[in-house]
Amino acid sequence: MITPLNLPKAQLKLSRKNGEVYVRCLIRQKDLVCTPEEWVRQHIINFLITEKGVSKGRIASEYPLEYNGRSKRADLVLFDEFGKPTMIVECKAPEISITEKVVHQIAQYNSQLNVDRLFLTNGLTHIYCEIDREKGQLVYHEEWPGW
């Protein structure tokens, strides 16, 4: 089932194959099984492009990382004009709460990418935070900050 999200409506291309629903990835331009997490990820990509003006060319989906010798994938990584990572986005299915475990997961990814901005979402709850390196802490924002 496709859950309504706390995000602007996205014009996504859906299709059905062998009884499964697929969604066309806005970044990778291929059909992916429309899992609840993928539904959130595609809406976040749409939000970043249409609401926040992020160029498609500066968004990587399922960005490969290595952590403790294991292959991992960050849901989304945003890059600046020089190709430097600037933000990690962690997407969860709507029924998954954004907990300390999710914060720990994105922190593991950030140990490899060293960005200052983190965005965690399940499509219903959105948590924006940035790393204050001087104080060694996360600063949480209620709304999308003016970065």
C-alpha atoms as a PDB file:
ATOM      1  CA  MET A   1       0.000   0.000   0.000  1.00  0.00           C
ATOM      2  CA  ILE A   2       1.172   3.507  -0.820  1.00  0.00           C
ATOM      3  CA  THR A   3       1.076   5.731   2.261  1.00  0.00           C
ATOM      4  CA  PRO A   4       0.309   9.469   2.005  1.00  0.00           C
ATOM      5  CA  LEU A   5       3.369  11.395   3.188  1.00  0.00           C
ATOM      6  CA  ASN A   6       4.048  14.708   4.891  1.00  0.00           C
ATOM      7  CA  LEU A   7       5.706  16.012   1.724  1.00  0.00           C
ATOM      8  CA  PRO A   8       4.574  17.857  -1.400  1.00  0.00           C
ATOM      9  CA  LYS A   9       2.832  15.608  -3.905  1.00  0.00           C
ATOM     10  CA  ALA A  10       5.307  14.176  -6.394  1.00  0.00           C
ATOM     11  CA  GLN A  11       4.521  13.308  -9.999  1.00  0.00           C
ATOM     12  CA  LEU A  12       6.042   9.833  -9.954  1.00  0.00           C
ATOM     13  CA  LYS A  13       5.769   7.269 -12.732  1.00  0.00           C
ATOM     14  CA  LEU A  14       4.335   4.026 -11.401  1.00  0.00           C
ATOM     15  CA  SER A  15       4.020   0.756 -13.271  1.00  0.00           C
ATOM     16  CA  ARG A  16       3.047  -2.803 -12.487  1.00  0.00           C
ATOM     17  CA  LYS A  17       5.093  -5.870 -13.451  1.00  0.00           C
ATOM     18  CA  ASN A  18       4.382  -9.423 -12.359  1.00  0.00           C
ATOM     19  CA  GLY A  19       1.975  -8.181  -9.700  1.00  0.00           C
ATOM     20  CA  GLU A  20       4.463  -5.741  -8.144  1.00  0.00           C
ATOM     21  CA  VAL A  21       4.327  -1.946  -8.253  1.00  0.00           C
ATOM     22  CA  TYR A  22       7.428  -0.167  -9.548  1.00  0.00           C
ATOM     23  CA  VAL A  23       8.398   3.496  -9.352  1.00  0.00           C
ATOM     24  CA  ARG A  24      10.691   5.264 -11.815  1.00  0.00           C
ATOM     25  CA  CYS A  25      13.717   6.669  -9.955  1.00  0.00           C
ATOM     26  CA  LEU A  26      14.062  10.393 -10.594  1.00  0.00           C
ATOM     27  CA  ILE A  27      17.867  10.154 -10.335  1.00  0.00           C
ATOM     28  CA  ARG A  28      18.836   6.732 -11.693  1.00  0.00           C
ATOM     29  CA  GLN A  29      16.132   6.712 -14.397  1.00  0.00           C
ATOM     30  CA  LYS A  30      15.219   3.086 -13.848  1.00  0.00           C
ATOM     31  CA  ASP A  31      12.204   1.275 -12.459  1.00  0.00           C
ATOM     32  CA  LEU A  32      12.563   0.118  -8.859  1.00  0.00           C
ATOM     33  CA  VAL A  33      10.238  -1.973  -6.718  1.00  0.00           C
ATOM     34  CA  CYS A  34       8.054   0.540  -4.901  1.00  0.00           C
ATOM     35  CA  THR A  35       8.812  -0.489  -1.325  1.00  0.00           C
ATOM     36  CA  PRO A  36       7.659   1.888   1.419  1.00  0.00           C
ATOM     37  CA  GLU A  37      11.242   3.156   1.788  1.00  0.00           C
ATOM     38  CA  GLU A  38      11.593   3.711  -1.972  1.00  0.00           C
ATOM     39  CA  TRP A  39       8.287   5.603  -1.953  1.00  0.00           C
ATOM     40  CA  VAL A  40       9.745   7.949   0.687  1.00  0.00           C
ATOM     41  CA  ARG A  41      13.097   8.259  -1.131  1.00  0.00           C
ATOM     42  CA  GLN A  42      11.453   9.279  -4.420  1.00  0.00           C
ATOM     43  CA  HIS A  43       9.296  11.862  -2.653  1.00  0.00           C
ATOM     44  CA  ILE A  44      12.379  13.272  -0.910  1.00  0.00           C
ATOM     45  CA  ILE A  45      14.231  13.486  -4.230  1.00  0.00           C
ATOM     46  CA  ASN A  46      11.253  15.346  -5.682  1.00  0.00           C
ATOM     47  CA  PHE A  47      11.189  17.654  -2.606  1.00  0.00           C
ATOM     48  CA  LEU A  48      14.896  18.434  -2.940  1.00  0.00           C
ATOM     49  CA  ILE A  49      14.579  19.223  -6.650  1.00  0.00           C
ATOM     50  CA  THR A  50      11.255  21.085  -6.756  1.00  0.00           C
ATOM     51  CA  GLU A  51      11.124  22.751  -3.327  1.00  0.00           C
ATOM     52  CA  LYS A  52      14.792  23.268  -2.468  1.00  0.00           C
ATOM     53  CA  GLY A  53      16.247  23.800  -5.950  1.00  0.00           C
ATOM     54  CA  VAL A  54      18.846  21.040  -5.764  1.00  0.00           C
ATOM     55  CA  SER A  55      20.060  20.010  -9.215  1.00  0.00           C
ATOM     56  CA  LYS A  56      19.535  16.333 -10.105  1.00  0.00           C
ATOM     57  CA  GLY A  57      23.223  16.171 -10.975  1.00  0.00           C
ATOM     58  CA  ARG A  58      24.113  16.931  -7.350  1.00  0.00           C
ATOM     59  CA  ILE A  59      22.091  14.069  -5.867  1.00  0.00           C
ATOM     60  CA  ALA A  60      23.342  10.488  -5.639  1.00  0.00           C
ATOM     61  CA  SER A  61      20.880   7.746  -4.741  1.00  0.00           C
ATOM     62  CA  GLU A  62      22.049   4.574  -2.965  1.00  0.00           C
ATOM     63  CA  TYR A  63      25.547   6.031  -2.634  1.00  0.00           C
ATOM     64  CA  PRO A  64      28.078   3.233  -1.904  1.00  0.00           C
ATOM     65  CA  LEU A  65      30.192   3.441   1.259  1.00  0.00           C
ATOM     66  CA  GLU A  66      32.382   1.134   3.272  1.00  0.00           C
ATOM     67  CA  TYR A  67      32.145   1.014   7.055  1.00  0.00           C
ATOM     68  CA  ASN A  68      34.182  -1.417   9.189  1.00  0.00           C
ATOM     69  CA  GLY A  69      35.011  -3.422   6.076  1.00  0.00           C
ATOM     70  CA  ARG A  70      31.347  -3.792   5.110  1.00  0.00           C
ATOM     71  CA  SER A  71      29.646  -2.345   2.055  1.00  0.00           C
ATOM     72  CA  LYS A  72      26.857   0.101   2.911  1.00  0.00           C
ATOM     73  CA  ARG A  73      24.672   2.484   0.911  1.00  0.00           C
ATOM     74  CA  ALA A  74      23.548   5.932   1.973  1.00  0.00           C
ATOM     75  CA  ASP A  75      20.029   6.600   0.695  1.00  0.00           C
ATOM     76  CA  LEU A  76      20.911  10.011  -0.726  1.00  0.00           C
ATOM     77  CA  VAL A  77      24.035  12.140  -0.741  1.00  0.00           C
ATOM     78  CA  LEU A  78      24.025  15.750  -1.910  1.00  0.00           C
ATOM     79  CA  PHE A  79      27.103  17.357  -3.420  1.00  0.00           C
ATOM     80  CA  ASP A  80      28.315  20.935  -3.922  1.00  0.00           C
ATOM     81  CA  GLU A  81      29.464  22.388  -7.252  1.00  0.00           C
ATOM     82  CA  PHE A  82      32.927  20.910  -6.707  1.00  0.00           C
ATOM     83  CA  GLY A  83      31.672  17.355  -6.150  1.00  0.00           C
ATOM     84  CA  LYS A  84      32.209  17.456  -2.381  1.00  0.00           C
ATOM     85  CA  PRO A  85      29.517  15.738  -0.278  1.00  0.00           C
ATOM     86  CA  THR A  86      27.495  18.265   1.737  1.00  0.00           C
ATOM     87  CA  MET A  87      24.508  16.342   3.101  1.00  0.00           C
ATOM     88  CA  ILE A  88      23.431  12.776   3.821  1.00  0.00           C
ATOM     89  CA  VAL A  89      19.736  11.896   3.693  1.00  0.00           C
ATOM     90  CA  GLU A  90      18.530   8.742   5.432  1.00  0.00           C
ATOM     91  CA  CYS A  91      15.063   7.571   4.366  1.00  0.00           C
ATOM     92  CA  LYS A  92      12.990   5.066   6.278  1.00  0.00           C
ATOM     93  CA  ALA A  93       9.591   3.543   5.562  1.00  0.00           C
ATOM     94  CA  PRO A  94       6.689   5.508   7.110  1.00  0.00           C
ATOM     95  CA  GLU A  95       6.112   2.834   9.757  1.00  0.00           C
ATOM     96  CA  ILE A  96       9.752   3.062  10.967  1.00  0.00           C
ATOM     97  CA  SER A  97      10.301   5.681  13.679  1.00  0.00           C
ATOM     98  CA  ILE A  98      13.293   7.981  13.535  1.00  0.00           C
ATOM     99  CA  THR A  99      15.154   6.791  16.626  1.00  0.00           C
ATOM    100  CA  GLU A 100      18.677   6.954  18.060  1.00  0.00           C
ATOM    101  CA  LYS A 101      19.419   3.822  16.029  1.00  0.00           C
ATOM    102  CA  VAL A 102      18.729   5.758  12.807  1.00  0.00           C
ATOM    103  CA  VAL A 103      20.880   8.668  14.032  1.00  0.00           C
ATOM    104  CA  HIS A 104      23.665   6.152  14.748  1.00  0.00           C
ATOM    105  CA  GLN A 105      23.296   4.703  11.233  1.00  0.00           C
ATOM    106  CA  ILE A 106      23.655   8.089   9.534  1.00  0.00           C
ATOM    107  CA  ALA A 107      26.579   8.921  11.848  1.00  0.00           C
ATOM    108  CA  GLN A 108      28.349   5.768  10.617  1.00  0.00           C
ATOM    109  CA  TYR A 109      27.898   6.947   7.035  1.00  0.00           C
ATOM    110  CA  ASN A 110      29.136  10.372   7.989  1.00  0.00           C
ATOM    111  CA  SER A 111      32.330   8.916   9.426  1.00  0.00           C
ATOM    112  CA  GLN A 112      33.181   8.226   5.770  1.00  0.00           C
ATOM    113  CA  LEU A 113      31.735  11.358   4.126  1.00  0.00           C
ATOM    114  CA  ASN A 114      32.374  14.012   6.807  1.00  0.00           C
ATOM    115  CA  VAL A 115      29.468  16.313   5.898  1.00  0.00           C
ATOM    116  CA  ASP A 116      27.997  19.028   8.132  1.00  0.00           C
ATOM    117  CA  ARG A 117      24.303  18.422   7.324  1.00  0.00           C
ATOM    118  CA  LEU A 118      22.100  15.431   8.012  1.00  0.00           C
ATOM    119  CA  PHE A 119      18.469  14.866   7.077  1.00  0.00           C
ATOM    120  CA  LEU A 120      16.518  11.906   8.493  1.00  0.00           C
ATOM    121  CA  THR A 121      12.972  11.141   7.394  1.00  0.00           C
ATOM    122  CA  ASN A 122      10.296   8.482   7.228  1.00  0.00           C
ATOM    123  CA  GLY A 123       8.151  10.688   5.006  1.00  0.00           C
ATOM    124  CA  LEU A 124       5.999  11.719   7.967  1.00  0.00           C
ATOM    125  CA  THR A 125       8.603  12.990  10.438  1.00  0.00           C
ATOM    126  CA  HIS A 126      11.602  14.980   9.210  1.00  0.00           C
ATOM    127  CA  ILE A 127      14.673  15.712  11.308  1.00  0.00           C
ATOM    128  CA  TYR A 128      17.187  18.251  10.085  1.00  0.00           C
ATOM    129  CA  CYS A 129      20.468  18.607  11.874  1.00  0.00           C
ATOM    130  CA  GLU A 130      23.898  20.004  11.382  1.00  0.00           C
ATOM    131  CA  ILE A 131      27.147  19.230  13.070  1.00  0.00           C
ATOM    132  CA  ASP A 132      28.623  21.978  15.225  1.00  0.00           C
ATOM    133  CA  ARG A 133      32.242  20.919  15.041  1.00  0.00           C
ATOM    134  CA  GLU A 134      33.421  23.541  17.562  1.00  0.00           C
ATOM    135  CA  LYS A 135      31.077  22.219  20.248  1.00  0.00           C
ATOM    136  CA  GLY A 136      31.172  18.609  19.029  1.00  0.00           C
ATOM    137  CA  GLN A 137      27.402  18.246  18.931  1.00  0.00           C
ATOM    138  CA  LEU A 138      24.392  17.972  16.649  1.00  0.00           C
ATOM    139  CA  VAL A 139      22.159  21.024  16.310  1.00  0.00           C
ATOM    140  CA  TYR A 140      18.568  20.054  15.500  1.00  0.00           C
ATOM    141  CA  HIS A 141      16.237  22.264  13.465  1.00  0.00           C
ATOM    142  CA  GLU A 142      12.428  22.152  13.450  1.00  0.00           C
ATOM    143  CA  GLU A 143      12.217  23.278   9.814  1.00  0.00           C
ATOM    144  CA  TRP A 144      14.505  23.058   6.805  1.00  0.00           C
ATOM    145  CA  PRO A 145      17.286  25.485   7.765  1.00  0.00           C
ATOM    146  CA  GLY A 146      18.505  28.202   5.410  1.00  0.00           C
ATOM    147  CA  TRP A 147      21.733  26.459   4.495  1.00  0.00           C
END
